[in-house]
Each structure stands twice: as structure tokens, then as C-alpha cells.
Amino acid sequence: MHGLFAETFGFPDFYGRNWDAWIDCMSHLDEPDAGLSTIHVEKGGIVVIQLEQAEALKRSQPDLLVALCESAAFVNWRRIEAGGDPILCLSFAS
């Protein structure tokens, strides 16, 4: 999954391919100058990540789905704690 996110969001070559690195990159999607992705949203915007076949993922790799949900929640919590706005929304499709 980290390879897919790295490719889709244009994470830098030094992306660590772990959840801590994912959180760092996703926390700065509204800061193009941070250089942590090529996908950006304007300040106050929300990035929606739609998970196709979420039910199959839940059955086959439940730990991966939990890690993604917890990491997305942590990104939003971190931003809110710093006085900012949440930036991620997960959408699940069967």
C-alpha cells in the first residue's frame, strides 16, 4: 500500500514507506513548499481517499485497514492540535 500511496501522491524519494512517514507526508498536503507530495489541496480543503473494495480489504488484511484508519485519524488530530483544520477523509466502497 505504501508504494501505491507514494506513486499516487508523489511522495519524495526519501519516503520511508511506513506509517510514520505516511503521516508526515499526508499532514502537509496543503503546504506545497514542504515538498512532501505532488498532490495538494488549498488551505481548509479536504482530501478524500476512496477505498474501493473496502469490504474485501477488511476480510483479507484487517490490520492494514486499521492502520490506515488510525493513521488518517492521527493526521487530522495532529493538525487540529496545532490549531489547523483536518485534511483527510476516508470513504469506503464495497
N, C-alpha and C. Protein backbone atom coordinates (compact mmCIF):
# COMPACT_ATOMS: atom_id res chain seq x y z
N MET A 1 0.82 -1.19 0.00
CA MET A 1 0.00 0.00 0.00
C MET A 1 0.86 1.26 0.00
N HIS A 2 2.01 1.19 0.65
CA HIS A 2 2.87 2.38 0.69
C HIS A 2 3.36 2.76 -0.70
N GLY A 3 3.66 1.76 -1.52
CA GLY A 3 4.08 2.04 -2.89
C GLY A 3 2.98 2.74 -3.69
N LEU A 4 1.75 2.30 -3.50
CA LEU A 4 0.61 2.91 -4.18
C LEU A 4 0.42 4.36 -3.75
N PHE A 5 0.49 4.61 -2.45
CA PHE A 5 0.35 5.99 -1.96
C PHE A 5 1.52 6.85 -2.44
N ALA A 6 2.73 6.31 -2.40
CA ALA A 6 3.90 7.07 -2.83
C ALA A 6 3.76 7.49 -4.28
N GLU A 7 3.29 6.58 -5.12
CA GLU A 7 3.12 6.88 -6.54
C GLU A 7 1.96 7.85 -6.77
N THR A 8 0.83 7.59 -6.14
CA THR A 8 -0.36 8.40 -6.35
C THR A 8 -0.19 9.83 -5.84
N PHE A 9 0.41 9.98 -4.67
CA PHE A 9 0.55 11.30 -4.06
C PHE A 9 1.89 11.96 -4.38
N GLY A 10 2.76 11.25 -5.06
CA GLY A 10 4.05 11.84 -5.42
C GLY A 10 4.92 12.13 -4.21
N PHE A 11 4.99 11.16 -3.30
CA PHE A 11 5.86 11.34 -2.14
C PHE A 11 7.32 11.40 -2.60
N PRO A 12 8.18 12.06 -1.84
CA PRO A 12 9.59 12.19 -2.24
C PRO A 12 10.33 10.85 -2.21
N ASP A 13 11.47 10.82 -2.87
CA ASP A 13 12.27 9.59 -2.93
C ASP A 13 12.68 9.10 -1.55
N PHE A 14 12.82 9.99 -0.60
CA PHE A 14 13.24 9.59 0.75
C PHE A 14 12.07 9.09 1.61
N TYR A 15 10.88 8.96 1.02
CA TYR A 15 9.72 8.46 1.76
C TYR A 15 10.05 7.10 2.37
N GLY A 16 9.83 6.95 3.66
CA GLY A 16 10.25 5.77 4.40
C GLY A 16 9.37 4.54 4.26
N ARG A 17 8.25 4.65 3.55
CA ARG A 17 7.34 3.51 3.33
C ARG A 17 6.92 2.85 4.65
N ASN A 18 6.53 3.68 5.60
CA ASN A 18 5.99 3.20 6.87
C ASN A 18 4.92 4.20 7.30
N TRP A 19 4.16 3.86 8.32
CA TRP A 19 3.04 4.73 8.70
C TRP A 19 3.48 6.07 9.26
N ASP A 20 4.60 6.12 9.95
CA ASP A 20 5.09 7.42 10.45
C ASP A 20 5.41 8.35 9.28
N ALA A 21 6.07 7.82 8.26
CA ALA A 21 6.40 8.63 7.08
C ALA A 21 5.12 9.04 6.34
N TRP A 22 4.16 8.13 6.25
CA TRP A 22 2.87 8.42 5.61
C TRP A 22 2.19 9.58 6.32
N ILE A 23 2.16 9.52 7.64
CA ILE A 23 1.55 10.58 8.44
C ILE A 23 2.24 11.92 8.16
N ASP A 24 3.56 11.91 8.12
CA ASP A 24 4.29 13.15 7.85
C ASP A 24 3.92 13.72 6.49
N CYS A 25 3.91 12.89 5.46
CA CYS A 25 3.60 13.38 4.12
C CYS A 25 2.15 13.86 4.02
N MET A 26 1.23 13.09 4.56
CA MET A 26 -0.19 13.44 4.44
C MET A 26 -0.56 14.66 5.30
N SER A 27 0.22 14.93 6.32
CA SER A 27 -0.06 16.09 7.19
C SER A 27 0.20 17.41 6.49
N HIS A 28 0.91 17.39 5.38
CA HIS A 28 1.33 18.64 4.72
C HIS A 28 0.79 18.78 3.31
N LEU A 29 -0.37 18.19 3.04
CA LEU A 29 -0.92 18.25 1.68
C LEU A 29 -1.35 19.66 1.28
N ASP A 30 -1.51 20.55 2.23
CA ASP A 30 -1.86 21.93 1.90
C ASP A 30 -0.65 22.86 1.99
N GLU A 31 0.53 22.27 1.98
CA GLU A 31 1.78 23.04 2.04
C GLU A 31 2.71 22.60 0.90
N PRO A 32 2.48 23.09 -0.31
CA PRO A 32 3.30 22.66 -1.44
C PRO A 32 4.80 22.87 -1.22
N ASP A 33 5.17 23.92 -0.50
CA ASP A 33 6.59 24.20 -0.27
C ASP A 33 7.26 23.17 0.62
N ALA A 34 6.49 22.35 1.33
CA ALA A 34 7.08 21.31 2.18
C ALA A 34 7.76 20.23 1.33
N GLY A 35 7.32 20.08 0.08
CA GLY A 35 7.95 19.12 -0.81
C GLY A 35 7.69 17.67 -0.45
N LEU A 36 6.60 17.40 0.25
CA LEU A 36 6.32 16.04 0.68
C LEU A 36 5.31 15.30 -0.19
N SER A 37 4.77 15.98 -1.21
CA SER A 37 3.86 15.34 -2.16
C SER A 37 3.71 16.24 -3.38
N THR A 38 3.20 15.65 -4.43
CA THR A 38 2.90 16.44 -5.63
C THR A 38 1.41 16.73 -5.73
N ILE A 39 0.62 16.13 -4.86
CA ILE A 39 -0.82 16.39 -4.77
C ILE A 39 -1.03 17.38 -3.64
N HIS A 40 -1.81 18.43 -3.93
CA HIS A 40 -2.03 19.46 -2.92
C HIS A 40 -3.49 19.88 -2.90
N VAL A 41 -3.88 20.41 -1.78
CA VAL A 41 -5.21 20.95 -1.58
C VAL A 41 -5.03 22.34 -0.97
N GLU A 42 -5.95 23.23 -1.27
CA GLU A 42 -5.82 24.57 -0.69
C GLU A 42 -6.09 24.53 0.81
N LYS A 43 -5.59 25.52 1.52
CA LYS A 43 -5.81 25.60 2.97
C LYS A 43 -7.30 25.49 3.26
N GLY A 44 -7.64 24.67 4.23
CA GLY A 44 -9.04 24.46 4.59
C GLY A 44 -9.73 23.39 3.76
N GLY A 45 -9.05 22.87 2.74
CA GLY A 45 -9.63 21.84 1.89
C GLY A 45 -9.49 20.46 2.51
N ILE A 46 -10.22 19.53 1.94
CA ILE A 46 -10.21 18.14 2.42
C ILE A 46 -9.82 17.23 1.26
N VAL A 47 -8.95 16.28 1.53
CA VAL A 47 -8.59 15.24 0.57
C VAL A 47 -9.40 14.00 0.93
N VAL A 48 -10.19 13.52 -0.02
CA VAL A 48 -10.99 12.32 0.19
C VAL A 48 -10.26 11.14 -0.45
N ILE A 49 -9.99 10.14 0.35
CA ILE A 49 -9.37 8.90 -0.13
C ILE A 49 -10.46 7.86 -0.16
N GLN A 50 -10.84 7.45 -1.37
CA GLN A 50 -11.89 6.43 -1.50
C GLN A 50 -11.24 5.06 -1.65
N LEU A 51 -11.58 4.19 -0.75
CA LEU A 51 -11.06 2.82 -0.76
C LEU A 51 -12.06 1.92 -1.48
N GLU A 52 -11.72 1.54 -2.70
CA GLU A 52 -12.55 0.60 -3.44
C GLU A 52 -12.37 -0.78 -2.82
N GLN A 53 -13.39 -1.58 -2.83
CA GLN A 53 -13.37 -2.94 -2.30
C GLN A 53 -12.92 -2.97 -0.83
N ALA A 54 -13.41 -2.02 -0.07
CA ALA A 54 -13.03 -1.92 1.34
C ALA A 54 -13.44 -3.16 2.13
N GLU A 55 -14.57 -3.74 1.78
CA GLU A 55 -15.03 -4.94 2.50
C GLU A 55 -14.06 -6.10 2.27
N ALA A 56 -13.56 -6.24 1.06
CA ALA A 56 -12.59 -7.30 0.77
C ALA A 56 -11.28 -7.04 1.51
N LEU A 57 -10.88 -5.78 1.58
CA LEU A 57 -9.67 -5.44 2.33
C LEU A 57 -9.86 -5.75 3.81
N LYS A 58 -11.02 -5.46 4.32
CA LYS A 58 -11.32 -5.74 5.74
C LYS A 58 -11.20 -7.24 6.03
N ARG A 59 -11.65 -8.06 5.09
CA ARG A 59 -11.57 -9.51 5.29
C ARG A 59 -10.15 -10.05 5.10
N SER A 60 -9.45 -9.55 4.09
CA SER A 60 -8.14 -10.12 3.74
C SER A 60 -6.98 -9.53 4.54
N GLN A 61 -7.05 -8.24 4.86
CA GLN A 61 -5.96 -7.58 5.57
C GLN A 61 -6.51 -6.57 6.58
N PRO A 62 -7.19 -7.08 7.60
CA PRO A 62 -7.82 -6.16 8.55
C PRO A 62 -6.83 -5.25 9.27
N ASP A 63 -5.62 -5.74 9.54
CA ASP A 63 -4.62 -4.91 10.22
C ASP A 63 -4.21 -3.72 9.36
N LEU A 64 -4.16 -3.93 8.06
CA LEU A 64 -3.80 -2.84 7.14
C LEU A 64 -4.89 -1.77 7.13
N LEU A 65 -6.13 -2.20 7.11
CA LEU A 65 -7.24 -1.25 7.12
C LEU A 65 -7.26 -0.47 8.43
N VAL A 66 -7.04 -1.14 9.54
CA VAL A 66 -6.99 -0.46 10.84
C VAL A 66 -5.84 0.55 10.87
N ALA A 67 -4.67 0.16 10.36
CA ALA A 67 -3.52 1.07 10.35
C ALA A 67 -3.80 2.31 9.51
N LEU A 68 -4.45 2.13 8.37
CA LEU A 68 -4.79 3.27 7.53
C LEU A 68 -5.77 4.20 8.23
N CYS A 69 -6.80 3.64 8.84
CA CYS A 69 -7.79 4.47 9.54
C CYS A 69 -7.15 5.21 10.72
N GLU A 70 -6.35 4.52 11.50
CA GLU A 70 -5.70 5.16 12.64
C GLU A 70 -4.72 6.24 12.19
N SER A 71 -4.01 5.98 11.12
CA SER A 71 -3.03 6.96 10.63
C SER A 71 -3.73 8.20 10.08
N ALA A 72 -4.82 8.01 9.35
CA ALA A 72 -5.57 9.16 8.84
C ALA A 72 -6.14 9.97 10.01
N ALA A 73 -6.66 9.28 11.02
CA ALA A 73 -7.18 9.98 12.19
C ALA A 73 -6.07 10.76 12.89
N PHE A 74 -4.87 10.17 12.97
CA PHE A 74 -3.76 10.85 13.62
C PHE A 74 -3.35 12.10 12.85
N VAL A 75 -3.35 12.03 11.52
CA VAL A 75 -3.05 13.22 10.71
C VAL A 75 -4.00 14.35 11.09
N ASN A 76 -5.29 14.06 11.13
CA ASN A 76 -6.26 15.09 11.46
C ASN A 76 -6.10 15.59 12.89
N TRP A 77 -5.87 14.67 13.83
CA TRP A 77 -5.67 15.06 15.23
C TRP A 77 -4.45 15.98 15.37
N ARG A 78 -3.37 15.59 14.71
CA ARG A 78 -2.13 16.39 14.78
C ARG A 78 -2.37 17.81 14.28
N ARG A 79 -3.09 17.91 13.19
CA ARG A 79 -3.36 19.23 12.62
C ARG A 79 -4.26 20.06 13.52
N ILE A 80 -5.28 19.44 14.09
CA ILE A 80 -6.19 20.15 14.98
C ILE A 80 -5.45 20.61 16.24
N GLU A 81 -4.60 19.74 16.79
CA GLU A 81 -3.81 20.10 17.97
C GLU A 81 -2.90 21.29 17.70
N ALA A 82 -2.45 21.44 16.46
CA ALA A 82 -1.57 22.55 16.08
C ALA A 82 -2.37 23.80 15.68
N GLY A 83 -3.70 23.74 15.84
CA GLY A 83 -4.53 24.90 15.52
C GLY A 83 -5.00 24.95 14.08
N GLY A 84 -4.80 23.87 13.34
CA GLY A 84 -5.21 23.83 11.94
C GLY A 84 -6.51 23.07 11.75
N ASP A 85 -6.79 22.79 10.51
CA ASP A 85 -8.00 22.07 10.14
C ASP A 85 -7.68 20.63 9.76
N PRO A 86 -8.64 19.72 9.94
CA PRO A 86 -8.43 18.36 9.44
C PRO A 86 -8.27 18.41 7.93
N ILE A 87 -7.60 17.42 7.37
CA ILE A 87 -7.33 17.45 5.94
C ILE A 87 -7.72 16.15 5.22
N LEU A 88 -7.93 15.07 5.96
CA LEU A 88 -8.22 13.78 5.34
C LEU A 88 -9.61 13.27 5.66
N CYS A 89 -10.21 12.63 4.67
CA CYS A 89 -11.49 11.95 4.84
C CYS A 89 -11.35 10.61 4.12
N LEU A 90 -11.71 9.54 4.79
CA LEU A 90 -11.71 8.22 4.16
C LEU A 90 -13.13 7.87 3.76
N SER A 91 -13.27 7.35 2.55
CA SER A 91 -14.55 6.90 2.04
C SER A 91 -14.42 5.43 1.67
N PHE A 92 -15.40 4.64 2.03
CA PHE A 92 -15.33 3.20 1.82
C PHE A 92 -16.38 2.75 0.82
N ALA A 93 -15.95 2.04 -0.20
CA ALA A 93 -16.87 1.49 -1.20
C ALA A 93 -16.69 -0.02 -1.22
N SER A 94 -17.77 -0.74 -1.39
CA SER A 94 -17.69 -2.22 -1.39
C SER A 94 -17.24 -2.76 -2.71
